[in-house]
């Protein structure tokens, strides 16, 4: 039964549709490129800086999340618990954490799937992944630098996909949802946290302006759930807090 970090990397490498180089403890498919795909705004560019990964998990992400979710949304620890629950992770499962950042969710998923499972943290930022590797975690965790819109995994490869606080920064979010459906096994689960624009003015206009300035797409409430249904997902749930939504579903 695989137990070492190197073995976890080897298991991920075996799932890829192209060869990857091991760099600083993670697999790298982007090489010298700064990122995969076109930049979408200032928020996305910040993710590639050297400073942000050092404060991201403890300060930046919790503070920004609270501002966007409002006083009644879940804490970051609450998000991790909710994502793990909605994914229905069990020992032996393989789970993909898209836009994993410094690996807070990935580490929790690695613990949930047990020694026979695999938690893959995928991100495009070298600095984020370097920090994730330095944070350590279960031996079931491995990290991959690759295109989040086109995860380089085979069809029907993973049991669960998490993508929190990232879909609204993708240049092609609908293409990303297509990719997620492709790599999920039948019966696999997905959970997403992304933007949710208010339905009424003037809040709706303010949400749209804020999204434009920061380079983030503001999805309408119900839009992500409809997109998942169109791709064959069922048992869809939606949770709204502030200008965020957590949407989960199961692939037929």
Foldseek 3Di string as FASTA:
>chain_A
DDFALVVLQVVVQVFFPDHFDQDLQATEDPPPDQFPDDFQFDVVVVLQDQPCLVCVPPHVVQVVVCVQQDPPDDGPVRVLVVQCVLQVAAAQFEEEEFQCFLPPSQQVSQVRNPRNYAGEYEHQHPNRPSNNVVVPHGSRYHYYHDHLLAPRGAFQAGQEYEYEAPLQRDPCSLSNLVNVLRNHHAFHKYKYKYFEADDDPPSNVVVCVVCNNGSTHHDHVPPVVVSVVVSAWPPWDWDGGRGMIMIMTTHD
